[in-house]
Amino acid sequence: MVTDWSHAWPTATAAFLASLVEFVEALTVVLAVGAVRGWRGALTGSGAALLTLLVIVVVLGPALTTIPLNVVQLLVGMLLLLFGMRWLRKAVLRSAGIIPLHDEGAAYEQETQTLRQFGKSGGGWDHAAIAASFKITMLEGLEVVFIVIAVGAGGVGLLVPASIGAVVALLCVVLLGIVVHKPLTAIPENTLKFCVGVLLSAFGAFWVGEGVGLSWPGQDWSLLILTAGFLLVALLSVRICRNRAARVSLLA
């Protein structure tokens, strides 16, 4: 399987940004577990989850090659479009001030308070720490796996750049976590989610079109037009939601 790297950059970029968001959320909980319960349990749980996710990718990735490409593109495109629109909807509402912005610092404090309720570790394996780290890494990691498989299943050889994008995101988050040793509140996560929602929606629409036999003008370059279109609609939606919320507040 040969990867055409000249057309792989959109796939790698989408996988990187989406994975970065998920890994930042997982890091927040793992840091809280390590600070409160100890790093042995936190790293053990996360490591076990990452190994499980690796097995899932190894099994599911090659299995997709046994399914006709147009069927994979259509099904994965529909799922990716729904997934991206869900992210984009929340990002639009957050940008418009309808729902509160996601705060990694607040999430860290909440998680540490929850973990302290379990009391101190009695030595040996800290099952509470392992379970908490394993759960959050699996939950966020499964979304990463889905995104990697989804954006990489639309063409021959695209699974490799998608996987590379996700691995680079993981390494960036791990290195930042080691250096700063605290939640990555400086990363504009809500802005990233907005961008990722746009990208995933664009990829989903592109793969659905490919699956039904649509010939996109410019082939992969059509992704730029789709991305610009979704971005424009999202920005207009933010403005409409803000204006509507302002009118409601004036009438209240």
C-alpha atoms as a PDB file:
ATOM      1  CA  MET A   1       0.000   0.000   0.000  1.00  0.00           C
ATOM      2  CA  VAL A   2       1.595   3.242  -1.211  1.00  0.00           C
ATOM      3  CA  THR A   3       0.833   6.547   0.461  1.00  0.00           C
ATOM      4  CA  ASP A   4       0.599   9.616  -1.750  1.00  0.00           C
ATOM      5  CA  TRP A   5       2.042  12.162   0.668  1.00  0.00           C
ATOM      6  CA  SER A   6       1.203  15.079  -1.610  1.00  0.00           C
ATOM      7  CA  HIS A   7      -2.497  14.414  -0.875  1.00  0.00           C
ATOM      8  CA  ALA A   8      -2.102  13.136   2.690  1.00  0.00           C
ATOM      9  CA  TRP A   9      -1.622  16.457   4.508  1.00  0.00           C
ATOM     10  CA  PRO A  10      -5.357  17.172   5.077  1.00  0.00           C
ATOM     11  CA  THR A  11      -5.789  13.740   6.645  1.00  0.00           C
ATOM     12  CA  ALA A  12      -2.747  14.089   8.905  1.00  0.00           C
ATOM     13  CA  THR A  13      -3.759  17.629   9.940  1.00  0.00           C
ATOM     14  CA  ALA A  14      -7.333  16.650  10.819  1.00  0.00           C
ATOM     15  CA  ALA A  15      -6.159  13.624  12.810  1.00  0.00           C
ATOM     16  CA  PHE A  16      -3.543  15.697  14.624  1.00  0.00           C
ATOM     17  CA  LEU A  17      -5.903  18.494  15.705  1.00  0.00           C
ATOM     18  CA  ALA A  18      -8.736  16.182  16.719  1.00  0.00           C
ATOM     19  CA  SER A  19      -6.380  13.888  18.641  1.00  0.00           C
ATOM     20  CA  LEU A  20      -4.742  16.879  20.335  1.00  0.00           C
ATOM     21  CA  VAL A  21      -8.086  17.937  21.826  1.00  0.00           C
ATOM     22  CA  GLU A  22      -8.895  14.446  23.086  1.00  0.00           C
ATOM     23  CA  PHE A  23      -5.435  13.852  24.564  1.00  0.00           C
ATOM     24  CA  VAL A  24      -5.484  17.221  26.370  1.00  0.00           C
ATOM     25  CA  GLU A  25      -8.754  16.233  28.072  1.00  0.00           C
ATOM     26  CA  ALA A  26      -7.313  12.847  29.022  1.00  0.00           C
ATOM     27  CA  LEU A  27      -4.114  14.460  30.340  1.00  0.00           C
ATOM     28  CA  THR A  28      -6.117  16.651  32.719  1.00  0.00           C
ATOM     29  CA  VAL A  29      -7.576  13.625  34.493  1.00  0.00           C
ATOM     30  CA  VAL A  30      -4.316  11.642  34.447  1.00  0.00           C
ATOM     31  CA  LEU A  31      -2.474  14.585  36.031  1.00  0.00           C
ATOM     32  CA  ALA A  32      -5.150  14.819  38.712  1.00  0.00           C
ATOM     33  CA  VAL A  33      -4.837  11.082  39.419  1.00  0.00           C
ATOM     34  CA  GLY A  34      -1.062  11.324  39.618  1.00  0.00           C
ATOM     35  CA  ALA A  35      -1.137  14.348  41.932  1.00  0.00           C
ATOM     36  CA  VAL A  36      -3.690  12.877  44.317  1.00  0.00           C
ATOM     37  CA  ARG A  37      -3.203   9.108  44.151  1.00  0.00           C
ATOM     38  CA  GLY A  38       0.381   8.717  42.894  1.00  0.00           C
ATOM     39  CA  TRP A  39       2.007   8.376  39.499  1.00  0.00           C
ATOM     40  CA  ARG A  40       2.382   4.606  39.569  1.00  0.00           C
ATOM     41  CA  GLY A  41      -1.338   3.976  39.293  1.00  0.00           C
ATOM     42  CA  ALA A  42      -1.913   6.878  36.912  1.00  0.00           C
ATOM     43  CA  LEU A  43       0.732   5.746  34.434  1.00  0.00           C
ATOM     44  CA  THR A  44      -0.236   2.070  34.750  1.00  0.00           C
ATOM     45  CA  GLY A  45      -3.873   2.772  33.908  1.00  0.00           C
ATOM     46  CA  SER A  46      -3.007   5.048  30.984  1.00  0.00           C
ATOM     47  CA  GLY A  47      -0.416   2.620  29.638  1.00  0.00           C
ATOM     48  CA  ALA A  48      -2.860  -0.286  29.745  1.00  0.00           C
ATOM     49  CA  ALA A  49      -5.464   1.772  27.917  1.00  0.00           C
ATOM     50  CA  LEU A  50      -2.992   2.847  25.215  1.00  0.00           C
ATOM     51  CA  LEU A  51      -1.979  -0.783  24.615  1.00  0.00           C
ATOM     52  CA  THR A  52      -5.646  -1.766  24.316  1.00  0.00           C
ATOM     53  CA  LEU A  53      -6.250   1.046  21.836  1.00  0.00           C
ATOM     54  CA  LEU A  54      -3.205  -0.040  19.806  1.00  0.00           C
ATOM     55  CA  VAL A  55      -4.647  -3.538  19.504  1.00  0.00           C
ATOM     56  CA  ILE A  56      -7.980  -2.096  18.333  1.00  0.00           C
ATOM     57  CA  VAL A  57      -6.255  -0.041  15.616  1.00  0.00           C
ATOM     58  CA  VAL A  58      -4.172  -3.008  14.465  1.00  0.00           C
ATOM     59  CA  VAL A  59      -7.290  -5.200  14.213  1.00  0.00           C
ATOM     60  CA  LEU A  60      -9.749  -2.719  12.714  1.00  0.00           C
ATOM     61  CA  GLY A  61      -7.401  -0.948  10.314  1.00  0.00           C
ATOM     62  CA  PRO A  62      -6.593  -3.904   8.010  1.00  0.00           C
ATOM     63  CA  ALA A  63     -10.181  -5.200   8.325  1.00  0.00           C
ATOM     64  CA  LEU A  64     -11.430  -2.131   6.463  1.00  0.00           C
ATOM     65  CA  THR A  65      -9.511  -3.207   3.366  1.00  0.00           C
ATOM     66  CA  THR A  66     -11.868  -6.200   2.953  1.00  0.00           C
ATOM     67  CA  ILE A  67     -14.871  -3.881   2.501  1.00  0.00           C
ATOM     68  CA  PRO A  68     -15.490  -2.122  -0.844  1.00  0.00           C
ATOM     69  CA  LEU A  69     -13.981   1.365  -0.731  1.00  0.00           C
ATOM     70  CA  ASN A  70     -17.172   3.190  -1.742  1.00  0.00           C
ATOM     71  CA  VAL A  71     -19.112   1.483   1.072  1.00  0.00           C
ATOM     72  CA  VAL A  72     -16.437   2.418   3.613  1.00  0.00           C
ATOM     73  CA  GLN A  73     -16.390   6.000   2.355  1.00  0.00           C
ATOM     74  CA  LEU A  74     -20.173   6.343   2.574  1.00  0.00           C
ATOM     75  CA  LEU A  75     -20.602   4.792   6.042  1.00  0.00           C
ATOM     76  CA  VAL A  76     -17.527   6.412   7.559  1.00  0.00           C
ATOM     77  CA  GLY A  77     -18.394   9.730   5.926  1.00  0.00           C
ATOM     78  CA  MET A  78     -21.871   9.715   7.446  1.00  0.00           C
ATOM     79  CA  LEU A  79     -20.503   8.905  10.904  1.00  0.00           C
ATOM     80  CA  LEU A  80     -17.732  11.474  10.583  1.00  0.00           C
ATOM     81  CA  LEU A  81     -20.203  14.138   9.446  1.00  0.00           C
ATOM     82  CA  LEU A  82     -22.470  13.461  12.432  1.00  0.00           C
ATOM     83  CA  PHE A  83     -19.474  13.400  14.781  1.00  0.00           C
ATOM     84  CA  GLY A  84     -18.069  16.647  13.399  1.00  0.00           C
ATOM     85  CA  MET A  85     -21.421  18.416  13.469  1.00  0.00           C
ATOM     86  CA  ARG A  86     -21.846  17.460  17.133  1.00  0.00           C
ATOM     87  CA  TRP A  87     -18.486  19.052  17.968  1.00  0.00           C
ATOM     88  CA  LEU A  88     -19.244  22.063  15.798  1.00  0.00           C
ATOM     89  CA  ARG A  89     -22.653  22.627  17.377  1.00  0.00           C
ATOM     90  CA  LYS A  90     -21.155  22.750  20.873  1.00  0.00           C
ATOM     91  CA  ALA A  91     -18.297  24.957  19.685  1.00  0.00           C
ATOM     92  CA  VAL A  92     -20.745  27.417  18.100  1.00  0.00           C
ATOM     93  CA  LEU A  93     -22.859  27.564  21.259  1.00  0.00           C
ATOM     94  CA  ARG A  94     -19.747  28.111  23.398  1.00  0.00           C
ATOM     95  CA  SER A  95     -18.447  30.828  21.107  1.00  0.00           C
ATOM     96  CA  ALA A  96     -21.833  32.539  21.219  1.00  0.00           C
ATOM     97  CA  GLY A  97     -21.919  32.402  25.026  1.00  0.00           C
ATOM     98  CA  ILE A  98     -24.973  30.135  25.116  1.00  0.00           C
ATOM     99  CA  ILE A  99     -23.158  27.411  27.047  1.00  0.00           C
ATOM    100  CA  PRO A 100     -20.031  27.899  29.210  1.00  0.00           C
ATOM    101  CA  LEU A 101     -16.550  27.418  27.794  1.00  0.00           C
ATOM    102  CA  HIS A 102     -14.725  24.235  28.685  1.00  0.00           C
ATOM    103  CA  ASP A 103     -12.211  24.924  31.466  1.00  0.00           C
ATOM    104  CA  GLU A 104      -9.423  22.373  31.944  1.00  0.00           C
ATOM    105  CA  GLY A 105      -8.385  24.035  35.202  1.00  0.00           C
ATOM    106  CA  ALA A 106     -11.886  23.631  36.653  1.00  0.00           C
ATOM    107  CA  ALA A 107     -12.037  20.051  35.375  1.00  0.00           C
ATOM    108  CA  TYR A 108      -8.718  19.323  37.109  1.00  0.00           C
ATOM    109  CA  GLU A 109      -9.968  20.719  40.433  1.00  0.00           C
ATOM    110  CA  GLN A 110     -13.202  18.755  40.198  1.00  0.00           C
ATOM    111  CA  GLU A 111     -11.353  15.527  39.430  1.00  0.00           C
ATOM    112  CA  THR A 112      -8.930  15.982  42.342  1.00  0.00           C
ATOM    113  CA  GLN A 113     -11.835  16.529  44.755  1.00  0.00           C
ATOM    114  CA  THR A 114     -13.511  13.375  43.499  1.00  0.00           C
ATOM    115  CA  LEU A 115     -10.329  11.318  43.858  1.00  0.00           C
ATOM    116  CA  ARG A 116      -9.742  12.509  47.433  1.00  0.00           C
ATOM    117  CA  GLN A 117     -13.055  10.941  48.434  1.00  0.00           C
ATOM    118  CA  PHE A 118     -11.509   7.502  47.948  1.00  0.00           C
ATOM    119  CA  GLY A 119      -9.062   8.135  50.784  1.00  0.00           C
ATOM    120  CA  LYS A 120      -5.348   7.372  50.774  1.00  0.00           C
ATOM    121  CA  SER A 121      -3.839   4.458  48.949  1.00  0.00           C
ATOM    122  CA  GLY A 122      -3.093   1.509  51.210  1.00  0.00           C
ATOM    123  CA  GLY A 123       0.083   0.542  49.357  1.00  0.00           C
ATOM    124  CA  GLY A 124       0.495  -1.880  46.489  1.00  0.00           C
ATOM    125  CA  TRP A 125      -1.660  -1.385  43.432  1.00  0.00           C
ATOM    126  CA  ASP A 126      -3.990   1.605  43.722  1.00  0.00           C
ATOM    127  CA  HIS A 127      -7.080   0.262  41.960  1.00  0.00           C
ATOM    128  CA  ALA A 128      -8.890   3.604  42.098  1.00  0.00           C
ATOM    129  CA  ALA A 129      -6.004   5.393  40.374  1.00  0.00           C
ATOM    130  CA  ILE A 130      -5.566   2.690  37.745  1.00  0.00           C
ATOM    131  CA  ALA A 131      -9.304   2.576  37.005  1.00  0.00           C
ATOM    132  CA  ALA A 132      -9.629   6.350  36.721  1.00  0.00           C
ATOM    133  CA  SER A 133      -6.638   6.708  34.377  1.00  0.00           C
ATOM    134  CA  PHE A 134      -7.643   3.678  32.306  1.00  0.00           C
ATOM    135  CA  LYS A 135     -11.226   4.906  31.937  1.00  0.00           C
ATOM    136  CA  ILE A 136     -10.423   8.440  30.777  1.00  0.00           C
ATOM    137  CA  THR A 137      -7.639   7.291  28.431  1.00  0.00           C
ATOM    138  CA  MET A 138      -9.924   4.661  26.889  1.00  0.00           C
ATOM    139  CA  LEU A 139     -12.862   7.050  26.504  1.00  0.00           C
ATOM    140  CA  GLU A 140     -10.847   9.805  24.857  1.00  0.00           C
ATOM    141  CA  GLY A 141      -8.648   7.305  23.029  1.00  0.00           C
ATOM    142  CA  LEU A 142     -11.612   5.525  21.447  1.00  0.00           C
ATOM    143  CA  GLU A 143     -12.673   8.818  19.916  1.00  0.00           C
ATOM    144  CA  VAL A 144      -9.139   9.237  18.593  1.00  0.00           C
ATOM    145  CA  VAL A 145      -9.240   5.715  17.120  1.00  0.00           C
ATOM    146  CA  PHE A 146     -12.556   6.451  15.447  1.00  0.00           C
ATOM    147  CA  ILE A 147     -11.249   9.717  13.993  1.00  0.00           C
ATOM    148  CA  VAL A 148      -8.018   8.103  12.762  1.00  0.00           C
ATOM    149  CA  ILE A 149      -9.875   5.237  11.102  1.00  0.00           C
ATOM    150  CA  ALA A 150     -12.547   7.566   9.723  1.00  0.00           C
ATOM    151  CA  VAL A 151     -10.250  10.138   8.123  1.00  0.00           C
ATOM    152  CA  GLY A 152      -7.853   7.415   7.016  1.00  0.00           C
ATOM    153  CA  ALA A 153     -10.408   5.039   5.521  1.00  0.00           C
ATOM    154  CA  GLY A 154     -11.429   7.276   2.654  1.00  0.00           C
ATOM    155  CA  GLY A 155      -8.529   6.432   0.383  1.00  0.00           C
ATOM    156  CA  VAL A 156      -5.694   4.025  -0.220  1.00  0.00           C
ATOM    157  CA  GLY A 157      -2.777   4.588   2.169  1.00  0.00           C
ATOM    158  CA  LEU A 158      -4.419   7.397   4.151  1.00  0.00           C
ATOM    159  CA  LEU A 159      -4.501   5.397   7.382  1.00  0.00           C
ATOM    160  CA  VAL A 160      -0.740   5.877   7.745  1.00  0.00           C
ATOM    161  CA  PRO A 161      -0.725   9.715   7.731  1.00  0.00           C
ATOM    162  CA  ALA A 162      -3.821   9.745   9.952  1.00  0.00           C
ATOM    163  CA  SER A 163      -2.056   7.500  12.461  1.00  0.00           C
ATOM    164  CA  ILE A 164       1.085   9.642  12.289  1.00  0.00           C
ATOM    165  CA  GLY A 165      -0.970  12.756  13.013  1.00  0.00           C
ATOM    166  CA  ALA A 166      -2.520  11.120  16.073  1.00  0.00           C
ATOM    167  CA  VAL A 167       0.830   9.818  17.357  1.00  0.00           C
ATOM    168  CA  VAL A 168       2.445  13.246  16.967  1.00  0.00           C
ATOM    169  CA  ALA A 169      -0.452  14.780  18.926  1.00  0.00           C
ATOM    170  CA  LEU A 170       0.016  12.190  21.674  1.00  0.00           C
ATOM    171  CA  LEU A 171       3.752  12.873  21.902  1.00  0.00           C
ATOM    172  CA  CYS A 172       3.166  16.645  22.022  1.00  0.00           C
ATOM    173  CA  VAL A 173       0.665  16.329  24.868  1.00  0.00           C
ATOM    174  CA  VAL A 174       2.836  13.882  26.816  1.00  0.00           C
ATOM    175  CA  LEU A 175       5.907  16.109  26.491  1.00  0.00           C
ATOM    176  CA  LEU A 176       3.945  19.195  27.506  1.00  0.00           C
ATOM    177  CA  GLY A 177       2.484  17.306  30.454  1.00  0.00           C
ATOM    178  CA  ILE A 178       5.950  16.266  31.611  1.00  0.00           C
ATOM    179  CA  VAL A 179       7.311  19.801  31.271  1.00  0.00           C
ATOM    180  CA  VAL A 180       4.503  21.856  32.804  1.00  0.00           C
ATOM    181  CA  HIS A 181       3.173  19.152  35.157  1.00  0.00           C
ATOM    182  CA  LYS A 182      -0.250  20.809  35.290  1.00  0.00           C
ATOM    183  CA  PRO A 183      -3.401  21.113  33.139  1.00  0.00           C
ATOM    184  CA  LEU A 184      -2.745  22.647  29.741  1.00  0.00           C
ATOM    185  CA  THR A 185      -5.017  25.636  30.297  1.00  0.00           C
ATOM    186  CA  ALA A 186      -2.938  27.780  27.942  1.00  0.00           C
ATOM    187  CA  ILE A 187      -4.023  25.692  24.934  1.00  0.00           C
ATOM    188  CA  PRO A 188      -7.103  27.318  23.331  1.00  0.00           C
ATOM    189  CA  GLU A 189      -9.102  24.111  23.514  1.00  0.00           C
ATOM    190  CA  ASN A 190     -12.441  25.642  22.585  1.00  0.00           C
ATOM    191  CA  THR A 191     -10.911  27.225  19.493  1.00  0.00           C
ATOM    192  CA  LEU A 192      -9.355  23.871  18.605  1.00  0.00           C
ATOM    193  CA  LYS A 193     -12.734  22.159  18.972  1.00  0.00           C
ATOM    194  CA  PHE A 194     -14.278  24.753  16.687  1.00  0.00           C
ATOM    195  CA  CYS A 195     -11.601  24.109  14.051  1.00  0.00           C
ATOM    196  CA  VAL A 196     -11.788  20.341  14.449  1.00  0.00           C
ATOM    197  CA  GLY A 197     -15.576  20.403  14.139  1.00  0.00           C
ATOM    198  CA  VAL A 198     -15.213  22.264  10.845  1.00  0.00           C
ATOM    199  CA  LEU A 199     -12.538  19.869   9.566  1.00  0.00           C
ATOM    200  CA  LEU A 200     -14.380  16.687  10.527  1.00  0.00           C
ATOM    201  CA  SER A 201     -17.604  17.967   8.980  1.00  0.00           C
ATOM    202  CA  ALA A 202     -15.752  18.794   5.771  1.00  0.00           C
ATOM    203  CA  PHE A 203     -14.130  15.350   5.668  1.00  0.00           C
ATOM    204  CA  GLY A 204     -17.473  13.689   6.356  1.00  0.00           C
ATOM    205  CA  ALA A 205     -19.187  15.549   3.508  1.00  0.00           C
ATOM    206  CA  PHE A 206     -16.263  14.756   1.200  1.00  0.00           C
ATOM    207  CA  TRP A 207     -16.312  11.015   1.945  1.00  0.00           C
ATOM    208  CA  VAL A 208     -20.115  10.834   1.598  1.00  0.00           C
ATOM    209  CA  GLY A 209     -19.780  12.412  -1.837  1.00  0.00           C
ATOM    210  CA  GLU A 210     -17.045   9.952  -2.752  1.00  0.00           C
ATOM    211  CA  GLY A 211     -19.164   7.061  -1.484  1.00  0.00           C
ATOM    212  CA  VAL A 212     -22.147   7.952  -3.691  1.00  0.00           C
ATOM    213  CA  GLY A 213     -19.901   8.386  -6.728  1.00  0.00           C
ATOM    214  CA  LEU A 214     -19.699  12.168  -6.824  1.00  0.00           C
ATOM    215  CA  SER A 215     -16.728  13.514  -8.768  1.00  0.00           C
ATOM    216  CA  TRP A 216     -15.387  16.408  -6.728  1.00  0.00           C
ATOM    217  CA  PRO A 217     -13.820  19.243  -8.764  1.00  0.00           C
ATOM    218  CA  GLY A 218     -10.128  19.366  -7.984  1.00  0.00           C
ATOM    219  CA  GLN A 219     -10.398  16.040  -6.122  1.00  0.00           C
ATOM    220  CA  ASP A 220      -8.739  16.408  -2.689  1.00  0.00           C
ATOM    221  CA  TRP A 221      -8.513  20.184  -3.088  1.00  0.00           C
ATOM    222  CA  SER A 222     -12.293  20.278  -2.756  1.00  0.00           C
ATOM    223  CA  LEU A 223     -11.703  19.738   0.948  1.00  0.00           C
ATOM    224  CA  LEU A 224     -10.485  23.326   1.173  1.00  0.00           C
ATOM    225  CA  ILE A 225     -13.737  24.606  -0.336  1.00  0.00           C
ATOM    226  CA  LEU A 226     -15.817  22.389   1.955  1.00  0.00           C
ATOM    227  CA  THR A 227     -13.801  23.514   4.970  1.00  0.00           C
ATOM    228  CA  ALA A 228     -14.260  27.173   4.047  1.00  0.00           C
ATOM    229  CA  GLY A 229     -17.987  26.600   3.561  1.00  0.00           C
ATOM    230  CA  PHE A 230     -18.490  24.925   6.942  1.00  0.00           C
ATOM    231  CA  LEU A 231     -16.353  27.605   8.609  1.00  0.00           C
ATOM    232  CA  LEU A 232     -18.418  30.381   7.071  1.00  0.00           C
ATOM    233  CA  VAL A 233     -21.701  28.785   8.124  1.00  0.00           C
ATOM    234  CA  ALA A 234     -20.355  28.184  11.646  1.00  0.00           C
ATOM    235  CA  LEU A 235     -19.205  31.794  12.032  1.00  0.00           C
ATOM    236  CA  LEU A 236     -22.552  33.070  10.786  1.00  0.00           C
ATOM    237  CA  SER A 237     -24.280  30.727  13.242  1.00  0.00           C
ATOM    238  CA  VAL A 238     -22.236  32.184  16.106  1.00  0.00           C
ATOM    239  CA  ARG A 239     -23.322  35.689  15.133  1.00  0.00           C
ATOM    240  CA  ILE A 240     -26.977  34.682  14.815  1.00  0.00           C
ATOM    241  CA  CYS A 241     -26.925  32.920  18.206  1.00  0.00           C
ATOM    242  CA  ARG A 242     -25.292  35.935  19.874  1.00  0.00           C
ATOM    243  CA  ASN A 243     -27.847  38.340  18.402  1.00  0.00           C
ATOM    244  CA  ARG A 244     -30.719  36.091  19.414  1.00  0.00           C
ATOM    245  CA  ALA A 245     -29.367  35.720  22.953  1.00  0.00           C
ATOM    246  CA  ALA A 246     -28.942  39.498  23.199  1.00  0.00           C
ATOM    247  CA  ARG A 247     -32.546  40.063  22.137  1.00  0.00           C
ATOM    248  CA  VAL A 248     -33.813  37.516  24.642  1.00  0.00           C
ATOM    249  CA  SER A 249     -31.811  39.161  27.466  1.00  0.00           C
ATOM    250  CA  LEU A 250     -33.265  42.575  26.558  1.00  0.00           C
ATOM    251  CA  LEU A 251     -36.805  41.240  26.615  1.00  0.00           C
ATOM    252  CA  ALA A 252     -36.292  39.412  29.933  1.00  0.00           C
END
